[in-house]
C-alpha cells in the first residue's frame, strides 16, 4: 500500500445525507439464478439515455447479452480476467460500455467522451439499484480479446464490462470473495478530495 494511501482518511460512514439509492448501491458479486425482465433491461438503457453529455453528443454505445444468447454472452465473458470469471459467470446479463471518441457532428476529437460515458454508466447503475438489481463494473478484462470478439470499430474505445442481476447469497461465493461481500464499503473522507481553496 502506498504512503499516500496510508495517510488518506477513509470511512464507511456517510458524512452528509444522500439519497437511499446511492446509499444502497453496492458492487456485489453474488447473483441469484433469475433472468432480468426485458422491460427492466430497457429501463437501464433509458436511464443512460438521459445522462448529460458535452454538446448533447451522447457518445455512448452499449452491447449486452443475456444468458439465453450464449454465443454473444460468451464473447463478452471470455474476455474477463480469471478472477472476475469466478463470480461473473452467475450474472444473467453482461454489458459492455463503449466510448465514441469522435464528435459525430464534425469528426473532431471529443475530449469529454469518456467522462460522458461514465455519467451514463452511473445513471444506469442508479436505475439498476432502483429496480432491485446489482451492477458490478469491471475494468479487469482483455481489451484485445473483447474488441476482437465484438468486432468493435476503431473509432470506439472500450469502457467497462458490467455484470448485472438480482443480488444472491454471498455465502455461495468462494471464501475470500464472501469475506469481501460482508466487509464495509470504504470511501475517502470528503476533506481528502474537496477543496475550497487553491492548491
N, C-alpha and C. Protein backbone atom coordinates (compact mmCIF):
# COMPACT_ATOMS: atom_id res chain seq x y z
N UNK A 1 0.85 -1.18 0.00
CA UNK A 1 0.00 0.00 0.00
C UNK A 1 0.89 1.24 0.00
N UNK A 2 0.55 2.23 -0.82
CA UNK A 2 1.38 3.43 -0.93
C UNK A 2 1.28 4.28 0.33
N UNK A 3 2.30 5.12 0.54
CA UNK A 3 2.30 6.02 1.68
C UNK A 3 1.12 6.97 1.62
N UNK A 4 0.81 7.46 0.40
CA UNK A 4 -0.33 8.37 0.24
C UNK A 4 -1.60 7.70 0.69
N UNK A 5 -1.78 6.45 0.31
CA UNK A 5 -2.99 5.70 0.69
C UNK A 5 -3.06 5.56 2.21
N UNK A 6 -1.93 5.35 2.85
CA UNK A 6 -1.91 5.16 4.30
C UNK A 6 -2.30 6.42 5.05
N UNK A 7 -1.96 7.59 4.50
CA UNK A 7 -2.23 8.82 5.25
C UNK A 7 -3.59 9.43 4.90
N UNK A 8 -4.24 8.92 3.86
CA UNK A 8 -5.56 9.44 3.50
C UNK A 8 -6.62 8.81 4.39
N UNK A 9 -7.54 9.63 4.84
CA UNK A 9 -8.57 9.16 5.75
C UNK A 9 -9.69 8.50 4.97
N UNK A 10 -10.05 7.28 5.38
CA UNK A 10 -11.16 6.58 4.76
C UNK A 10 -12.18 6.22 5.82
N UNK A 11 -13.43 6.07 5.40
CA UNK A 11 -14.50 5.81 6.34
C UNK A 11 -15.63 5.08 5.64
N UNK A 12 -16.43 4.35 6.43
CA UNK A 12 -17.63 3.71 5.91
C UNK A 12 -18.88 4.48 6.32
N UNK A 13 -18.70 5.59 7.01
CA UNK A 13 -19.83 6.40 7.47
C UNK A 13 -20.22 7.43 6.42
N UNK A 14 -21.51 7.76 6.36
CA UNK A 14 -21.99 8.83 5.49
C UNK A 14 -21.79 10.16 6.20
N UNK A 15 -21.07 11.07 5.57
CA UNK A 15 -20.75 12.34 6.19
C UNK A 15 -21.85 13.38 6.00
N UNK A 16 -22.70 13.18 5.00
CA UNK A 16 -23.83 14.05 4.73
C UNK A 16 -25.00 13.19 4.28
N UNK A 17 -26.20 13.73 4.33
CA UNK A 17 -27.38 12.98 3.90
C UNK A 17 -27.39 12.86 2.38
N UNK A 18 -27.60 11.65 1.88
CA UNK A 18 -27.68 11.40 0.45
C UNK A 18 -28.88 10.50 0.17
N UNK A 19 -29.25 10.38 -1.09
CA UNK A 19 -30.41 9.57 -1.48
C UNK A 19 -30.17 8.10 -1.17
N UNK A 20 -31.23 7.41 -0.79
CA UNK A 20 -31.12 5.99 -0.44
C UNK A 20 -30.60 5.14 -1.60
N UNK A 21 -30.90 5.54 -2.85
CA UNK A 21 -30.40 4.77 -4.00
C UNK A 21 -28.88 4.77 -4.04
N UNK A 22 -28.28 5.88 -3.65
CA UNK A 22 -26.82 5.97 -3.62
C UNK A 22 -26.28 5.22 -2.40
N UNK A 23 -26.98 5.34 -1.29
CA UNK A 23 -26.57 4.61 -0.08
C UNK A 23 -26.58 3.11 -0.31
N UNK A 24 -27.58 2.63 -1.02
CA UNK A 24 -27.79 1.19 -1.15
C UNK A 24 -27.04 0.55 -2.32
N UNK A 25 -26.50 1.38 -3.21
CA UNK A 25 -25.77 0.83 -4.35
C UNK A 25 -24.48 0.17 -3.86
N UNK A 26 -24.25 -1.04 -4.31
CA UNK A 26 -23.03 -1.75 -3.94
C UNK A 26 -22.64 -2.69 -5.06
N UNK A 27 -21.35 -2.84 -5.28
CA UNK A 27 -20.86 -3.73 -6.34
C UNK A 27 -20.74 -5.15 -5.81
N UNK A 28 -21.87 -5.85 -5.74
CA UNK A 28 -21.88 -7.21 -5.22
C UNK A 28 -21.38 -8.20 -6.27
N UNK A 29 -21.02 -9.39 -5.81
CA UNK A 29 -20.54 -10.44 -6.70
C UNK A 29 -21.44 -11.67 -6.71
N UNK A 30 -22.40 -11.71 -5.82
CA UNK A 30 -23.30 -12.87 -5.74
C UNK A 30 -24.59 -12.54 -6.48
N UNK A 31 -25.00 -13.48 -7.33
CA UNK A 31 -26.22 -13.30 -8.12
C UNK A 31 -27.14 -14.50 -7.96
N UNK A 32 -28.44 -14.23 -7.95
CA UNK A 32 -29.42 -15.30 -7.91
C UNK A 32 -29.67 -15.76 -9.35
N UNK A 33 -30.04 -17.02 -9.52
CA UNK A 33 -30.29 -17.59 -10.84
C UNK A 33 -31.68 -17.16 -11.31
N UNK A 34 -31.77 -15.94 -11.84
CA UNK A 34 -33.05 -15.38 -12.27
C UNK A 34 -32.81 -14.43 -13.42
N UNK A 35 -33.52 -14.62 -14.50
CA UNK A 35 -33.37 -13.72 -15.65
C UNK A 35 -33.94 -12.35 -15.32
N UNK A 36 -33.39 -11.34 -15.96
CA UNK A 36 -33.90 -9.98 -15.80
C UNK A 36 -34.98 -9.74 -16.85
N UNK A 37 -36.09 -9.19 -16.41
CA UNK A 37 -37.19 -8.93 -17.31
C UNK A 37 -36.78 -7.96 -18.41
N UNK A 38 -37.19 -8.20 -19.66
CA UNK A 38 -36.80 -7.32 -20.78
C UNK A 38 -37.13 -5.86 -20.55
N UNK A 39 -38.27 -5.58 -19.91
CA UNK A 39 -38.62 -4.17 -19.68
C UNK A 39 -37.67 -3.50 -18.71
N UNK A 40 -37.11 -4.28 -17.79
CA UNK A 40 -36.12 -3.70 -16.86
C UNK A 40 -34.80 -3.45 -17.58
N UNK A 41 -34.43 -4.32 -18.50
CA UNK A 41 -33.22 -4.08 -19.28
C UNK A 41 -33.38 -2.79 -20.10
N UNK A 42 -34.54 -2.63 -20.71
CA UNK A 42 -34.80 -1.39 -21.46
C UNK A 42 -34.75 -0.17 -20.55
N UNK A 43 -35.23 -0.32 -19.33
CA UNK A 43 -35.23 0.78 -18.37
C UNK A 43 -33.81 1.22 -18.03
N UNK A 44 -32.89 0.27 -17.95
CA UNK A 44 -31.49 0.62 -17.68
C UNK A 44 -30.94 1.53 -18.77
N UNK A 45 -31.21 1.18 -20.02
CA UNK A 45 -30.68 1.97 -21.13
C UNK A 45 -31.43 3.30 -21.28
N UNK A 46 -32.68 3.32 -20.86
CA UNK A 46 -33.41 4.59 -20.88
C UNK A 46 -32.79 5.57 -19.87
N UNK A 47 -32.38 5.04 -18.72
CA UNK A 47 -31.70 5.90 -17.73
C UNK A 47 -30.39 6.44 -18.30
N UNK A 48 -29.63 5.56 -18.95
CA UNK A 48 -28.36 6.01 -19.57
C UNK A 48 -28.63 7.05 -20.64
N UNK A 49 -29.71 6.88 -21.37
CA UNK A 49 -30.06 7.79 -22.47
C UNK A 49 -30.18 9.24 -21.99
N UNK A 50 -30.64 9.43 -20.75
CA UNK A 50 -30.90 10.78 -20.25
C UNK A 50 -29.73 11.37 -19.46
N UNK A 51 -28.59 10.75 -19.53
CA UNK A 51 -27.40 11.31 -18.88
C UNK A 51 -26.93 12.56 -19.63
N UNK A 52 -26.30 13.50 -18.94
CA UNK A 52 -25.77 14.70 -19.61
C UNK A 52 -24.53 14.36 -20.42
N UNK A 53 -24.30 15.13 -21.47
CA UNK A 53 -23.09 14.93 -22.28
C UNK A 53 -22.71 16.23 -22.98
N UNK A 54 -21.44 16.37 -23.28
CA UNK A 54 -20.92 17.56 -23.96
C UNK A 54 -21.61 17.74 -25.30
N UNK A 55 -22.16 18.94 -25.53
CA UNK A 55 -22.85 19.28 -26.77
C UNK A 55 -23.98 18.29 -27.09
N UNK A 56 -24.50 17.65 -26.06
CA UNK A 56 -25.55 16.63 -26.21
C UNK A 56 -25.15 15.55 -27.22
N UNK A 57 -23.85 15.22 -27.25
CA UNK A 57 -23.32 14.27 -28.22
C UNK A 57 -23.74 12.83 -27.92
N UNK A 58 -23.93 12.53 -26.62
CA UNK A 58 -24.33 11.17 -26.20
C UNK A 58 -23.40 10.12 -26.81
N UNK A 59 -22.10 10.16 -26.43
CA UNK A 59 -21.11 9.32 -27.10
C UNK A 59 -21.02 7.89 -26.58
N UNK A 60 -22.12 7.37 -26.08
CA UNK A 60 -22.12 6.02 -25.53
C UNK A 60 -22.80 5.03 -26.47
N UNK A 61 -22.26 3.84 -26.46
CA UNK A 61 -22.88 2.69 -27.13
C UNK A 61 -22.76 1.51 -26.17
N UNK A 62 -23.80 0.70 -26.12
CA UNK A 62 -23.79 -0.47 -25.24
C UNK A 62 -24.03 -1.74 -26.07
N UNK A 63 -23.27 -2.76 -25.77
CA UNK A 63 -23.53 -4.11 -26.28
C UNK A 63 -23.84 -4.98 -25.07
N UNK A 64 -24.99 -5.66 -25.10
CA UNK A 64 -25.35 -6.50 -23.97
C UNK A 64 -25.73 -7.90 -24.44
N UNK A 65 -25.65 -8.83 -23.52
CA UNK A 65 -26.04 -10.21 -23.81
C UNK A 65 -26.61 -10.85 -22.56
N UNK A 66 -27.68 -11.59 -22.73
CA UNK A 66 -28.26 -12.36 -21.65
C UNK A 66 -27.82 -13.82 -21.80
N UNK A 67 -28.05 -14.59 -20.76
CA UNK A 67 -27.58 -15.99 -20.79
C UNK A 67 -28.30 -16.82 -21.84
N UNK A 68 -29.46 -16.37 -22.30
CA UNK A 68 -30.13 -17.12 -23.36
C UNK A 68 -29.61 -16.75 -24.75
N UNK A 69 -28.53 -15.97 -24.78
CA UNK A 69 -27.78 -15.68 -26.01
C UNK A 69 -26.34 -16.15 -25.80
N UNK A 70 -26.12 -17.45 -25.67
CA UNK A 70 -24.82 -17.96 -25.22
C UNK A 70 -23.63 -17.53 -26.07
N UNK A 71 -23.80 -17.45 -27.37
CA UNK A 71 -22.66 -17.07 -28.22
C UNK A 71 -22.21 -15.64 -27.94
N UNK A 72 -23.16 -14.72 -27.87
CA UNK A 72 -22.82 -13.33 -27.59
C UNK A 72 -22.36 -13.16 -26.14
N UNK A 73 -23.04 -13.86 -25.22
CA UNK A 73 -22.67 -13.80 -23.80
C UNK A 73 -21.22 -14.26 -23.62
N UNK A 74 -20.88 -15.38 -24.25
CA UNK A 74 -19.53 -15.92 -24.10
C UNK A 74 -18.48 -15.03 -24.76
N UNK A 75 -18.87 -14.30 -25.79
CA UNK A 75 -17.91 -13.40 -26.44
C UNK A 75 -17.49 -12.28 -25.51
N UNK A 76 -18.35 -11.92 -24.57
CA UNK A 76 -18.00 -10.94 -23.54
C UNK A 76 -17.30 -11.63 -22.38
N UNK A 77 -17.92 -12.72 -21.90
CA UNK A 77 -17.39 -13.43 -20.73
C UNK A 77 -15.96 -13.90 -20.94
N UNK A 78 -15.66 -14.41 -22.13
CA UNK A 78 -14.33 -14.98 -22.39
C UNK A 78 -13.21 -13.95 -22.28
N UNK A 79 -13.54 -12.67 -22.38
CA UNK A 79 -12.52 -11.62 -22.28
C UNK A 79 -12.22 -11.22 -20.84
N UNK A 80 -13.04 -11.66 -19.90
CA UNK A 80 -12.85 -11.26 -18.50
C UNK A 80 -11.59 -11.89 -17.90
N UNK A 81 -11.00 -11.19 -16.95
CA UNK A 81 -9.89 -11.76 -16.19
C UNK A 81 -10.40 -12.98 -15.42
N UNK A 82 -9.50 -13.92 -15.14
CA UNK A 82 -9.90 -15.15 -14.46
C UNK A 82 -10.56 -14.86 -13.11
N UNK A 83 -10.04 -13.86 -12.39
CA UNK A 83 -10.62 -13.52 -11.08
C UNK A 83 -12.06 -13.06 -11.18
N UNK A 84 -12.41 -12.40 -12.26
CA UNK A 84 -13.79 -11.96 -12.45
C UNK A 84 -14.69 -13.08 -12.96
N UNK A 85 -14.12 -14.01 -13.72
CA UNK A 85 -14.93 -15.12 -14.24
C UNK A 85 -15.50 -15.98 -13.12
N UNK A 86 -14.79 -16.07 -11.99
CA UNK A 86 -15.21 -16.92 -10.87
C UNK A 86 -16.63 -16.60 -10.45
N UNK A 87 -16.96 -15.31 -10.38
CA UNK A 87 -18.29 -14.92 -9.90
C UNK A 87 -19.19 -14.37 -11.01
N UNK A 88 -18.61 -13.73 -12.03
CA UNK A 88 -19.43 -13.11 -13.07
C UNK A 88 -20.20 -14.15 -13.90
N UNK A 89 -19.76 -15.40 -13.87
CA UNK A 89 -20.44 -16.45 -14.63
C UNK A 89 -21.89 -16.63 -14.19
N UNK A 90 -22.23 -16.16 -13.00
CA UNK A 90 -23.59 -16.29 -12.48
C UNK A 90 -24.49 -15.11 -12.83
N UNK A 91 -23.93 -14.05 -13.38
CA UNK A 91 -24.73 -12.88 -13.74
C UNK A 91 -25.56 -13.19 -14.98
N UNK A 92 -26.85 -12.91 -14.96
CA UNK A 92 -27.68 -13.22 -16.13
C UNK A 92 -27.52 -12.24 -17.27
N UNK A 93 -26.86 -11.12 -17.01
CA UNK A 93 -26.69 -10.08 -18.03
C UNK A 93 -25.27 -9.54 -17.98
N UNK A 94 -24.59 -9.54 -19.12
CA UNK A 94 -23.30 -8.89 -19.26
C UNK A 94 -23.45 -7.74 -20.25
N UNK A 95 -22.78 -6.64 -19.95
CA UNK A 95 -22.96 -5.43 -20.73
C UNK A 95 -21.60 -4.77 -20.90
N UNK A 96 -21.35 -4.26 -22.09
CA UNK A 96 -20.09 -3.55 -22.38
C UNK A 96 -20.44 -2.11 -22.75
N UNK A 97 -19.80 -1.15 -22.09
CA UNK A 97 -19.98 0.25 -22.48
C UNK A 97 -18.83 0.64 -23.41
N UNK A 98 -19.19 1.33 -24.48
CA UNK A 98 -18.23 1.78 -25.47
C UNK A 98 -18.26 3.30 -25.57
N UNK A 99 -17.10 3.87 -25.87
CA UNK A 99 -16.93 5.31 -25.94
C UNK A 99 -16.65 5.72 -27.38
N UNK A 100 -17.55 6.49 -27.99
CA UNK A 100 -17.30 7.03 -29.33
C UNK A 100 -16.49 8.31 -29.14
N UNK A 101 -15.21 8.25 -29.44
CA UNK A 101 -14.31 9.33 -29.05
C UNK A 101 -14.25 10.49 -30.05
N UNK A 102 -14.97 10.39 -31.15
CA UNK A 102 -15.01 11.45 -32.16
C UNK A 102 -16.41 12.03 -32.22
N UNK A 103 -16.50 13.38 -32.23
CA UNK A 103 -17.81 14.02 -32.38
C UNK A 103 -18.46 13.59 -33.69
N UNK A 104 -19.71 13.17 -33.62
CA UNK A 104 -20.42 12.76 -34.83
C UNK A 104 -20.69 13.96 -35.73
N UNK A 105 -20.84 15.14 -35.12
CA UNK A 105 -21.24 16.32 -35.90
C UNK A 105 -20.13 16.88 -36.77
N UNK A 106 -18.87 16.70 -36.37
CA UNK A 106 -17.79 17.31 -37.16
C UNK A 106 -16.51 16.47 -37.24
N UNK A 107 -16.56 15.23 -36.73
CA UNK A 107 -15.42 14.31 -36.84
C UNK A 107 -14.16 14.81 -36.14
N UNK A 108 -14.32 15.64 -35.10
CA UNK A 108 -13.17 16.09 -34.32
C UNK A 108 -13.13 15.33 -32.99
N UNK A 109 -11.96 15.25 -32.32
CA UNK A 109 -11.88 14.51 -31.06
C UNK A 109 -12.79 15.10 -29.98
N UNK A 110 -13.46 14.22 -29.26
CA UNK A 110 -14.33 14.62 -28.15
C UNK A 110 -13.60 14.33 -26.85
N UNK A 111 -13.02 15.37 -26.27
CA UNK A 111 -12.26 15.20 -25.04
C UNK A 111 -13.11 14.86 -23.83
N UNK A 112 -14.41 15.03 -23.93
CA UNK A 112 -15.32 14.74 -22.82
C UNK A 112 -15.98 13.37 -22.93
N UNK A 113 -15.68 12.63 -23.99
CA UNK A 113 -16.43 11.41 -24.27
C UNK A 113 -16.37 10.39 -23.13
N UNK A 114 -15.19 10.13 -22.59
CA UNK A 114 -15.07 9.14 -21.52
C UNK A 114 -15.82 9.59 -20.27
N UNK A 115 -15.72 10.88 -19.98
CA UNK A 115 -16.46 11.44 -18.84
C UNK A 115 -17.95 11.23 -19.04
N UNK A 116 -18.44 11.52 -20.25
CA UNK A 116 -19.87 11.42 -20.54
C UNK A 116 -20.36 9.98 -20.44
N UNK A 117 -19.58 9.03 -20.94
CA UNK A 117 -19.98 7.62 -20.83
C UNK A 117 -19.99 7.19 -19.37
N UNK A 118 -19.05 7.71 -18.60
CA UNK A 118 -19.06 7.43 -17.16
C UNK A 118 -20.35 7.92 -16.51
N UNK A 119 -20.82 9.09 -16.93
CA UNK A 119 -22.08 9.62 -16.40
C UNK A 119 -23.24 8.72 -16.79
N UNK A 120 -23.27 8.26 -18.04
CA UNK A 120 -24.33 7.36 -18.48
C UNK A 120 -24.29 6.06 -17.70
N UNK A 121 -23.09 5.53 -17.45
CA UNK A 121 -22.95 4.31 -16.67
C UNK A 121 -23.46 4.51 -15.24
N UNK A 122 -23.20 5.69 -14.68
CA UNK A 122 -23.67 5.98 -13.32
C UNK A 122 -25.19 6.04 -13.28
N UNK A 123 -25.81 6.71 -14.28
CA UNK A 123 -27.27 6.76 -14.34
C UNK A 123 -27.83 5.34 -14.43
N UNK A 124 -27.23 4.52 -15.29
CA UNK A 124 -27.66 3.14 -15.46
C UNK A 124 -27.56 2.37 -14.14
N UNK A 125 -26.48 2.57 -13.42
CA UNK A 125 -26.26 1.85 -12.16
C UNK A 125 -27.27 2.26 -11.09
N UNK A 126 -27.58 3.55 -11.03
CA UNK A 126 -28.56 4.01 -10.05
C UNK A 126 -29.95 3.48 -10.39
N UNK A 127 -30.29 3.47 -11.69
CA UNK A 127 -31.57 2.91 -12.11
C UNK A 127 -31.64 1.43 -11.76
N UNK A 128 -30.54 0.71 -11.93
CA UNK A 128 -30.50 -0.70 -11.57
C UNK A 128 -30.79 -0.89 -10.09
N UNK A 129 -30.20 -0.06 -9.25
CA UNK A 129 -30.47 -0.14 -7.81
C UNK A 129 -31.94 0.09 -7.53
N UNK A 130 -32.53 1.06 -8.21
CA UNK A 130 -33.95 1.35 -8.06
C UNK A 130 -34.80 0.13 -8.43
N UNK A 131 -34.34 -0.65 -9.40
CA UNK A 131 -35.08 -1.83 -9.87
C UNK A 131 -34.79 -3.10 -9.07
N UNK A 132 -33.95 -2.98 -8.04
CA UNK A 132 -33.59 -4.13 -7.24
C UNK A 132 -32.49 -4.98 -7.83
N UNK A 133 -31.78 -4.42 -8.81
CA UNK A 133 -30.68 -5.13 -9.48
C UNK A 133 -29.34 -4.69 -8.93
N UNK A 134 -28.36 -5.53 -9.13
CA UNK A 134 -26.98 -5.19 -8.78
C UNK A 134 -26.15 -5.03 -10.05
N UNK A 135 -25.31 -4.01 -10.05
CA UNK A 135 -24.36 -3.79 -11.14
C UNK A 135 -22.95 -3.85 -10.56
N UNK A 136 -22.12 -4.67 -11.15
CA UNK A 136 -20.70 -4.69 -10.78
C UNK A 136 -19.90 -4.35 -12.03
N UNK A 137 -19.27 -3.17 -12.00
CA UNK A 137 -18.49 -2.71 -13.15
C UNK A 137 -17.07 -3.25 -13.05
N UNK A 138 -16.54 -3.66 -14.21
CA UNK A 138 -15.21 -4.30 -14.23
C UNK A 138 -14.31 -3.66 -15.27
N UNK A 139 -13.09 -3.35 -14.84
CA UNK A 139 -12.04 -2.97 -15.78
C UNK A 139 -11.12 -4.13 -16.06
N UNK A 140 -11.35 -5.24 -15.35
CA UNK A 140 -10.49 -6.43 -15.47
C UNK A 140 -10.91 -7.32 -16.61
N UNK A 141 -10.46 -6.97 -17.81
CA UNK A 141 -10.74 -7.79 -18.99
C UNK A 141 -9.66 -7.53 -20.03
N UNK A 142 -9.53 -8.43 -20.98
CA UNK A 142 -8.54 -8.31 -22.04
C UNK A 142 -9.12 -7.45 -23.15
N UNK A 143 -8.56 -6.27 -23.31
CA UNK A 143 -9.09 -5.31 -24.29
C UNK A 143 -9.03 -5.86 -25.72
N UNK A 144 -7.93 -6.51 -26.06
CA UNK A 144 -7.77 -7.03 -27.42
C UNK A 144 -8.79 -8.12 -27.70
N UNK A 145 -8.96 -9.04 -26.76
CA UNK A 145 -9.91 -10.14 -26.93
C UNK A 145 -11.33 -9.60 -27.06
N UNK A 146 -11.69 -8.68 -26.19
CA UNK A 146 -13.06 -8.15 -26.21
C UNK A 146 -13.33 -7.38 -27.50
N UNK A 147 -12.38 -6.57 -27.90
CA UNK A 147 -12.55 -5.80 -29.14
C UNK A 147 -12.71 -6.75 -30.33
N UNK A 148 -11.88 -7.78 -30.38
CA UNK A 148 -11.97 -8.74 -31.49
C UNK A 148 -13.26 -9.55 -31.44
N UNK A 149 -13.62 -10.00 -30.25
CA UNK A 149 -14.83 -10.82 -30.13
C UNK A 149 -16.09 -10.07 -30.55
N UNK A 150 -16.12 -8.77 -30.23
CA UNK A 150 -17.32 -7.98 -30.52
C UNK A 150 -17.19 -7.19 -31.82
N UNK A 151 -16.02 -7.34 -32.48
CA UNK A 151 -15.79 -6.63 -33.75
C UNK A 151 -16.01 -5.12 -33.61
N UNK A 152 -15.44 -4.56 -32.53
CA UNK A 152 -15.62 -3.14 -32.22
C UNK A 152 -14.80 -2.28 -33.19
N UNK A 153 -15.43 -1.33 -33.87
CA UNK A 153 -14.68 -0.46 -34.79
C UNK A 153 -13.65 0.39 -34.05
N UNK A 154 -12.64 0.81 -34.77
CA UNK A 154 -11.53 1.55 -34.18
C UNK A 154 -11.97 2.87 -33.58
N UNK A 155 -13.05 3.45 -34.06
CA UNK A 155 -13.47 4.77 -33.56
C UNK A 155 -14.02 4.73 -32.14
N UNK A 156 -14.20 3.51 -31.61
CA UNK A 156 -14.69 3.35 -30.24
C UNK A 156 -13.56 2.92 -29.30
N UNK A 157 -13.56 3.46 -28.09
CA UNK A 157 -12.75 2.94 -27.00
C UNK A 157 -13.64 2.04 -26.16
N UNK A 158 -13.04 1.05 -25.52
CA UNK A 158 -13.77 0.20 -24.59
C UNK A 158 -13.89 0.90 -23.25
N UNK A 159 -15.07 0.86 -22.68
CA UNK A 159 -15.27 1.43 -21.35
C UNK A 159 -15.08 0.36 -20.30
N UNK A 160 -16.19 -0.07 -19.69
CA UNK A 160 -16.14 -1.14 -18.69
C UNK A 160 -17.10 -2.25 -19.11
N UNK A 161 -16.91 -3.41 -18.51
CA UNK A 161 -17.87 -4.51 -18.62
C UNK A 161 -18.67 -4.52 -17.32
N UNK A 162 -19.97 -4.71 -17.43
CA UNK A 162 -20.83 -4.76 -16.25
C UNK A 162 -21.50 -6.12 -16.15
N UNK A 163 -21.47 -6.68 -14.96
CA UNK A 163 -22.25 -7.87 -14.64
C UNK A 163 -23.48 -7.39 -13.89
N UNK A 164 -24.67 -7.78 -14.37
CA UNK A 164 -25.91 -7.25 -13.80
C UNK A 164 -26.86 -8.41 -13.50
N UNK A 165 -27.54 -8.31 -12.35
CA UNK A 165 -28.52 -9.32 -11.99
C UNK A 165 -29.11 -9.03 -10.63
N UNK A 166 -30.02 -9.90 -10.22
CA UNK A 166 -30.59 -9.78 -8.88
C UNK A 166 -29.58 -10.29 -7.86
N UNK A 167 -29.41 -9.57 -6.74
CA UNK A 167 -28.43 -10.00 -5.73
C UNK A 167 -28.73 -11.39 -5.18
N UNK A 168 -27.66 -12.16 -5.02
CA UNK A 168 -27.79 -13.51 -4.49
C UNK A 168 -27.20 -13.63 -3.10
N UNK A 169 -26.96 -14.84 -2.66
CA UNK A 169 -26.45 -15.13 -1.33
C UNK A 169 -24.92 -15.12 -1.35
N UNK A 170 -24.29 -14.16 -0.65
CA UNK A 170 -22.83 -14.11 -0.63
C UNK A 170 -22.18 -15.38 -0.09
N UNK A 171 -22.91 -16.14 0.71
CA UNK A 171 -22.35 -17.36 1.30
C UNK A 171 -22.09 -18.44 0.25
N UNK A 172 -22.62 -18.25 -0.95
CA UNK A 172 -22.37 -19.21 -2.03
C UNK A 172 -21.09 -18.90 -2.80
N UNK A 173 -20.44 -17.80 -2.46
CA UNK A 173 -19.18 -17.41 -3.11
C UNK A 173 -18.00 -18.12 -2.46
N UNK A 174 -16.86 -18.22 -3.15
CA UNK A 174 -15.63 -18.70 -2.50
C UNK A 174 -15.32 -17.83 -1.29
N UNK A 175 -14.65 -18.39 -0.31
CA UNK A 175 -14.45 -17.75 1.00
C UNK A 175 -13.90 -16.33 0.89
N UNK A 176 -12.83 -16.15 0.11
CA UNK A 176 -12.22 -14.82 0.07
C UNK A 176 -13.15 -13.78 -0.54
N UNK A 177 -13.97 -14.20 -1.50
CA UNK A 177 -14.94 -13.27 -2.09
C UNK A 177 -16.10 -13.03 -1.13
N UNK A 178 -16.51 -14.04 -0.41
CA UNK A 178 -17.58 -13.89 0.57
C UNK A 178 -17.18 -12.87 1.64
N UNK A 179 -15.94 -12.95 2.08
CA UNK A 179 -15.46 -12.00 3.10
C UNK A 179 -15.50 -10.57 2.57
N UNK A 180 -15.17 -10.40 1.31
CA UNK A 180 -15.21 -9.06 0.71
C UNK A 180 -16.65 -8.55 0.62
N UNK A 181 -17.60 -9.45 0.38
CA UNK A 181 -19.00 -9.04 0.29
C UNK A 181 -19.51 -8.50 1.62
N UNK A 182 -19.05 -9.07 2.71
CA UNK A 182 -19.53 -8.66 4.03
C UNK A 182 -18.72 -7.51 4.63
N UNK A 183 -17.62 -7.15 4.01
CA UNK A 183 -16.81 -6.05 4.55
C UNK A 183 -17.48 -4.71 4.24
N UNK A 184 -17.27 -3.70 5.07
CA UNK A 184 -17.91 -2.40 4.84
C UNK A 184 -17.34 -1.71 3.61
N UNK A 185 -18.17 -0.90 2.97
CA UNK A 185 -17.68 -0.08 1.86
C UNK A 185 -16.89 1.08 2.45
N UNK A 186 -15.70 1.30 1.93
CA UNK A 186 -14.85 2.37 2.43
C UNK A 186 -14.67 3.44 1.36
N UNK A 187 -14.74 4.69 1.76
CA UNK A 187 -14.56 5.81 0.85
C UNK A 187 -13.65 6.84 1.51
N UNK A 188 -12.91 7.57 0.66
CA UNK A 188 -12.12 8.67 1.19
C UNK A 188 -13.05 9.69 1.83
N UNK A 189 -12.60 10.27 2.93
CA UNK A 189 -13.35 11.34 3.56
C UNK A 189 -13.42 12.54 2.62
N UNK A 190 -14.50 13.33 2.72
CA UNK A 190 -14.64 14.49 1.84
C UNK A 190 -13.44 15.42 1.90
N UNK A 191 -12.89 15.59 3.10
CA UNK A 191 -11.78 16.54 3.21
C UNK A 191 -10.51 16.06 2.52
N UNK A 192 -10.52 14.82 1.99
CA UNK A 192 -9.38 14.32 1.23
C UNK A 192 -9.45 14.71 -0.25
N UNK A 193 -10.65 15.08 -0.73
CA UNK A 193 -10.76 15.37 -2.18
C UNK A 193 -11.54 16.63 -2.49
N UNK A 194 -12.04 17.33 -1.49
CA UNK A 194 -12.80 18.56 -1.72
C UNK A 194 -12.01 19.74 -1.14
N UNK A 195 -11.80 20.77 -1.96
CA UNK A 195 -11.05 21.95 -1.52
C UNK A 195 -11.87 23.20 -1.79
N UNK A 196 -11.81 24.13 -0.87
CA UNK A 196 -12.43 25.44 -1.04
C UNK A 196 -11.34 26.49 -1.08
N UNK A 197 -10.22 26.11 -1.73
CA UNK A 197 -9.04 26.98 -1.81
C UNK A 197 -8.16 26.46 -2.95
N UNK A 198 -7.15 27.19 -3.34
CA UNK A 198 -6.25 26.74 -4.38
C UNK A 198 -5.30 25.69 -3.81
N UNK A 199 -4.60 24.99 -4.69
CA UNK A 199 -3.56 24.06 -4.24
C UNK A 199 -2.47 24.82 -3.51
